[in-house]
Amino acid sequence: MQSQNQQQNMQSNTNQNNLSSNLRNVSDEILCNDLLMTEKYVSGAYDTALFEFANTNIRQVLNHIQKEEQKHGEDIFNYISSHGMYMPE
């Protein structure tokens, strides 16, 4: 009887761990996709701002920041695609 209870407890713990792991993976996927969409938005905002400043120094700074944002987006994309969370077409 005790052995059966132990087996049930072990199975219950395994199921809870699997559920917790699956929820973490889904949460990671949602977070990473949200990060990627945010980077796309921010990069687009810098792109627009580049054309709206007459000062060359400001445009150069914004261009530098935009390139950094694009690199962040690339890093996020590479992470999520390597973990099967994002499939480009």
N, C-alpha and C. Protein backbone atom coordinates (compact mmCIF):
# COMPACT_ATOMS: atom_id res chain seq x y z
N MET A 1 0.82 -1.19 0.00
CA MET A 1 0.00 0.00 0.00
C MET A 1 0.87 1.25 0.00
N GLN A 2 1.91 1.25 0.86
CA GLN A 2 2.78 2.41 0.93
C GLN A 2 3.54 2.59 -0.38
N SER A 3 3.93 1.50 -1.01
CA SER A 3 4.65 1.57 -2.27
C SER A 3 3.77 2.19 -3.35
N GLN A 4 2.49 1.83 -3.36
CA GLN A 4 1.56 2.38 -4.33
C GLN A 4 1.40 3.89 -4.11
N ASN A 5 1.32 4.34 -2.86
CA ASN A 5 1.22 5.76 -2.55
C ASN A 5 2.48 6.50 -2.98
N GLN A 6 3.63 5.88 -2.76
CA GLN A 6 4.88 6.50 -3.18
C GLN A 6 4.93 6.65 -4.70
N GLN A 7 4.48 5.63 -5.41
CA GLN A 7 4.46 5.70 -6.88
C GLN A 7 3.51 6.80 -7.36
N GLN A 8 2.36 6.90 -6.72
CA GLN A 8 1.41 7.94 -7.09
C GLN A 8 1.99 9.33 -6.81
N ASN A 9 2.65 9.48 -5.67
CA ASN A 9 3.27 10.76 -5.34
C ASN A 9 4.38 11.12 -6.33
N MET A 10 5.18 10.11 -6.70
CA MET A 10 6.25 10.36 -7.67
C MET A 10 5.67 10.75 -9.03
N GLN A 11 4.60 10.07 -9.44
CA GLN A 11 3.95 10.38 -10.71
C GLN A 11 3.35 11.79 -10.66
N SER A 12 2.74 12.13 -9.55
CA SER A 12 2.16 13.46 -9.38
C SER A 12 3.23 14.54 -9.46
N ASN A 13 4.36 14.30 -8.79
CA ASN A 13 5.47 15.26 -8.83
C ASN A 13 6.03 15.40 -10.24
N THR A 14 6.14 14.27 -10.96
CA THR A 14 6.63 14.32 -12.34
C THR A 14 5.68 15.12 -13.21
N ASN A 15 4.38 14.89 -13.06
CA ASN A 15 3.38 15.64 -13.84
C ASN A 15 3.44 17.13 -13.53
N GLN A 16 3.61 17.46 -12.25
CA GLN A 16 3.70 18.87 -11.86
C GLN A 16 4.96 19.51 -12.45
N ASN A 17 6.07 18.80 -12.44
CA ASN A 17 7.31 19.32 -13.01
C ASN A 17 7.17 19.52 -14.51
N ASN A 18 6.55 18.56 -15.20
CA ASN A 18 6.34 18.69 -16.64
C ASN A 18 5.45 19.89 -16.96
N LEU A 19 4.38 20.06 -16.19
CA LEU A 19 3.47 21.19 -16.39
C LEU A 19 4.20 22.50 -16.16
N SER A 20 4.99 22.54 -15.09
CA SER A 20 5.74 23.75 -14.77
C SER A 20 6.73 24.07 -15.89
N SER A 21 7.41 23.08 -16.40
CA SER A 21 8.36 23.27 -17.48
C SER A 21 7.66 23.74 -18.75
N ASN A 22 6.52 23.14 -19.07
CA ASN A 22 5.76 23.54 -20.26
C ASN A 22 5.27 24.98 -20.13
N LEU A 23 4.80 25.36 -18.95
CA LEU A 23 4.34 26.73 -18.74
C LEU A 23 5.50 27.71 -18.87
N ARG A 24 6.67 27.33 -18.36
CA ARG A 24 7.85 28.18 -18.50
C ARG A 24 8.20 28.36 -19.96
N ASN A 25 8.16 27.28 -20.74
CA ASN A 25 8.48 27.36 -22.17
C ASN A 25 7.50 28.26 -22.90
N VAL A 26 6.22 28.15 -22.58
CA VAL A 26 5.21 29.00 -23.21
C VAL A 26 5.43 30.45 -22.80
N SER A 27 5.72 30.67 -21.52
CA SER A 27 5.99 32.03 -21.04
C SER A 27 7.22 32.60 -21.73
N ASP A 28 8.27 31.81 -21.88
CA ASP A 28 9.48 32.25 -22.58
C ASP A 28 9.16 32.62 -24.02
N GLU A 29 8.35 31.80 -24.67
CA GLU A 29 8.00 32.06 -26.06
C GLU A 29 7.21 33.37 -26.19
N ILE A 30 6.26 33.57 -25.31
CA ILE A 30 5.46 34.80 -25.34
C ILE A 30 6.36 36.01 -25.08
N LEU A 31 7.21 35.92 -24.08
CA LEU A 31 8.11 37.01 -23.73
C LEU A 31 9.06 37.33 -24.89
N CYS A 32 9.67 36.30 -25.46
CA CYS A 32 10.62 36.52 -26.56
C CYS A 32 9.94 37.11 -27.78
N ASN A 33 8.76 36.62 -28.12
CA ASN A 33 8.05 37.19 -29.27
C ASN A 33 7.65 38.63 -29.01
N ASP A 34 7.27 38.93 -27.77
CA ASP A 34 6.95 40.31 -27.41
C ASP A 34 8.20 41.19 -27.52
N LEU A 35 9.33 40.69 -27.06
CA LEU A 35 10.59 41.44 -27.18
C LEU A 35 10.93 41.72 -28.64
N LEU A 36 10.75 40.72 -29.50
CA LEU A 36 11.06 40.90 -30.91
C LEU A 36 10.13 41.94 -31.54
N MET A 37 8.85 41.88 -31.24
CA MET A 37 7.91 42.87 -31.78
C MET A 37 8.25 44.28 -31.27
N THR A 38 8.69 44.38 -30.03
CA THR A 38 9.07 45.68 -29.47
C THR A 38 10.30 46.22 -30.19
N GLU A 39 11.29 45.37 -30.43
CA GLU A 39 12.49 45.80 -31.15
C GLU A 39 12.14 46.27 -32.56
N LYS A 40 11.23 45.59 -33.22
CA LYS A 40 10.80 46.02 -34.56
C LYS A 40 10.16 47.40 -34.49
N TYR A 41 9.32 47.60 -33.51
CA TYR A 41 8.64 48.88 -33.35
C TYR A 41 9.65 50.00 -33.07
N VAL A 42 10.56 49.76 -32.12
CA VAL A 42 11.54 50.77 -31.74
C VAL A 42 12.45 51.10 -32.92
N SER A 43 12.88 50.09 -33.65
CA SER A 43 13.74 50.31 -34.81
C SER A 43 13.02 51.16 -35.85
N GLY A 44 11.74 50.89 -36.06
CA GLY A 44 10.94 51.69 -36.99
C GLY A 44 10.80 53.13 -36.54
N ALA A 45 10.68 53.34 -35.24
CA ALA A 45 10.56 54.70 -34.71
C ALA A 45 11.85 55.48 -34.95
N TYR A 46 12.99 54.82 -34.74
CA TYR A 46 14.27 55.49 -35.02
C TYR A 46 14.42 55.76 -36.51
N ASP A 47 13.97 54.84 -37.34
CA ASP A 47 14.04 55.02 -38.78
C ASP A 47 13.28 56.28 -39.19
N THR A 48 12.09 56.45 -38.67
CA THR A 48 11.29 57.64 -38.97
C THR A 48 11.97 58.90 -38.45
N ALA A 49 12.49 58.84 -37.24
CA ALA A 49 13.12 60.01 -36.63
C ALA A 49 14.36 60.45 -37.41
N LEU A 50 15.06 59.50 -38.01
CA LEU A 50 16.26 59.84 -38.79
C LEU A 50 15.95 60.85 -39.89
N PHE A 51 14.79 60.74 -40.47
CA PHE A 51 14.42 61.62 -41.59
C PHE A 51 13.81 62.93 -41.13
N GLU A 52 13.59 63.08 -39.84
CA GLU A 52 12.91 64.27 -39.34
C GLU A 52 13.84 65.25 -38.63
N PHE A 53 15.14 64.96 -38.60
CA PHE A 53 16.09 65.88 -37.97
C PHE A 53 17.00 66.48 -39.02
N ALA A 54 17.17 67.79 -38.95
CA ALA A 54 18.06 68.48 -39.87
C ALA A 54 19.51 68.39 -39.42
N ASN A 55 19.74 68.24 -38.12
CA ASN A 55 21.08 68.22 -37.56
C ASN A 55 21.76 66.88 -37.87
N THR A 56 22.88 66.95 -38.59
CA THR A 56 23.60 65.74 -38.99
C THR A 56 24.08 64.93 -37.79
N ASN A 57 24.56 65.60 -36.75
CA ASN A 57 25.05 64.89 -35.56
C ASN A 57 23.94 64.08 -34.90
N ILE A 58 22.77 64.66 -34.81
CA ILE A 58 21.63 63.94 -34.21
C ILE A 58 21.25 62.75 -35.08
N ARG A 59 21.24 62.94 -36.38
CA ARG A 59 20.91 61.82 -37.28
C ARG A 59 21.93 60.69 -37.14
N GLN A 60 23.20 61.03 -36.98
CA GLN A 60 24.23 60.00 -36.80
C GLN A 60 24.03 59.24 -35.49
N VAL A 61 23.68 59.96 -34.44
CA VAL A 61 23.42 59.30 -33.15
C VAL A 61 22.21 58.37 -33.27
N LEU A 62 21.14 58.85 -33.88
CA LEU A 62 19.94 58.03 -34.05
C LEU A 62 20.23 56.82 -34.92
N ASN A 63 21.04 57.00 -35.95
CA ASN A 63 21.41 55.89 -36.83
C ASN A 63 22.18 54.83 -36.04
N HIS A 64 23.09 55.29 -35.18
CA HIS A 64 23.85 54.36 -34.34
C HIS A 64 22.91 53.58 -33.41
N ILE A 65 22.00 54.29 -32.78
CA ILE A 65 21.05 53.64 -31.87
C ILE A 65 20.18 52.64 -32.64
N GLN A 66 19.73 53.03 -33.83
CA GLN A 66 18.90 52.13 -34.62
C GLN A 66 19.67 50.85 -34.97
N LYS A 67 20.93 50.98 -35.32
CA LYS A 67 21.73 49.78 -35.62
C LYS A 67 21.84 48.87 -34.39
N GLU A 68 21.98 49.47 -33.21
CA GLU A 68 22.01 48.67 -31.98
C GLU A 68 20.68 47.95 -31.78
N GLU A 69 19.58 48.65 -32.03
CA GLU A 69 18.26 48.03 -31.88
C GLU A 69 18.10 46.87 -32.86
N GLN A 70 18.59 47.06 -34.08
CA GLN A 70 18.51 45.99 -35.07
C GLN A 70 19.34 44.78 -34.64
N LYS A 71 20.48 45.04 -34.02
CA LYS A 71 21.31 43.94 -33.51
C LYS A 71 20.60 43.22 -32.37
N HIS A 72 19.95 43.97 -31.48
CA HIS A 72 19.16 43.33 -30.41
C HIS A 72 18.09 42.44 -31.02
N GLY A 73 17.39 42.97 -32.03
CA GLY A 73 16.34 42.18 -32.69
C GLY A 73 16.90 40.93 -33.33
N GLU A 74 18.06 41.05 -33.96
CA GLU A 74 18.70 39.88 -34.58
C GLU A 74 19.06 38.84 -33.52
N ASP A 75 19.60 39.29 -32.40
CA ASP A 75 19.96 38.37 -31.31
C ASP A 75 18.72 37.64 -30.77
N ILE A 76 17.64 38.39 -30.57
CA ILE A 76 16.40 37.77 -30.09
C ILE A 76 15.88 36.79 -31.12
N PHE A 77 15.86 37.20 -32.38
CA PHE A 77 15.39 36.31 -33.45
C PHE A 77 16.21 35.02 -33.49
N ASN A 78 17.52 35.14 -33.43
CA ASN A 78 18.38 33.95 -33.47
C ASN A 78 18.10 33.03 -32.29
N TYR A 79 17.87 33.60 -31.11
CA TYR A 79 17.57 32.80 -29.92
C TYR A 79 16.26 32.05 -30.09
N ILE A 80 15.20 32.78 -30.46
CA ILE A 80 13.90 32.12 -30.51
C ILE A 80 13.79 31.14 -31.69
N SER A 81 14.44 31.46 -32.79
CA SER A 81 14.37 30.51 -33.91
C SER A 81 15.19 29.26 -33.60
N SER A 82 16.31 29.40 -32.87
CA SER A 82 17.11 28.23 -32.52
C SER A 82 16.42 27.35 -31.48
N HIS A 83 15.43 27.92 -30.76
CA HIS A 83 14.68 27.14 -29.77
C HIS A 83 13.30 26.74 -30.29
N GLY A 84 13.08 26.91 -31.59
CA GLY A 84 11.83 26.48 -32.21
C GLY A 84 10.62 27.29 -31.80
N MET A 85 10.85 28.54 -31.37
CA MET A 85 9.73 29.38 -30.92
C MET A 85 9.22 30.31 -32.01
N TYR A 86 9.93 30.38 -33.11
CA TYR A 86 9.57 31.33 -34.17
C TYR A 86 10.01 30.74 -35.49
N MET A 87 9.07 30.58 -36.39
CA MET A 87 9.39 30.00 -37.68
C MET A 87 9.15 31.05 -38.78
N PRO A 88 10.23 31.63 -39.32
CA PRO A 88 10.05 32.62 -40.38
C PRO A 88 9.56 31.97 -41.66
N GLU A 89 8.90 32.76 -42.46
CA GLU A 89 8.39 32.22 -43.73
C GLU A 89 9.34 32.53 -44.85
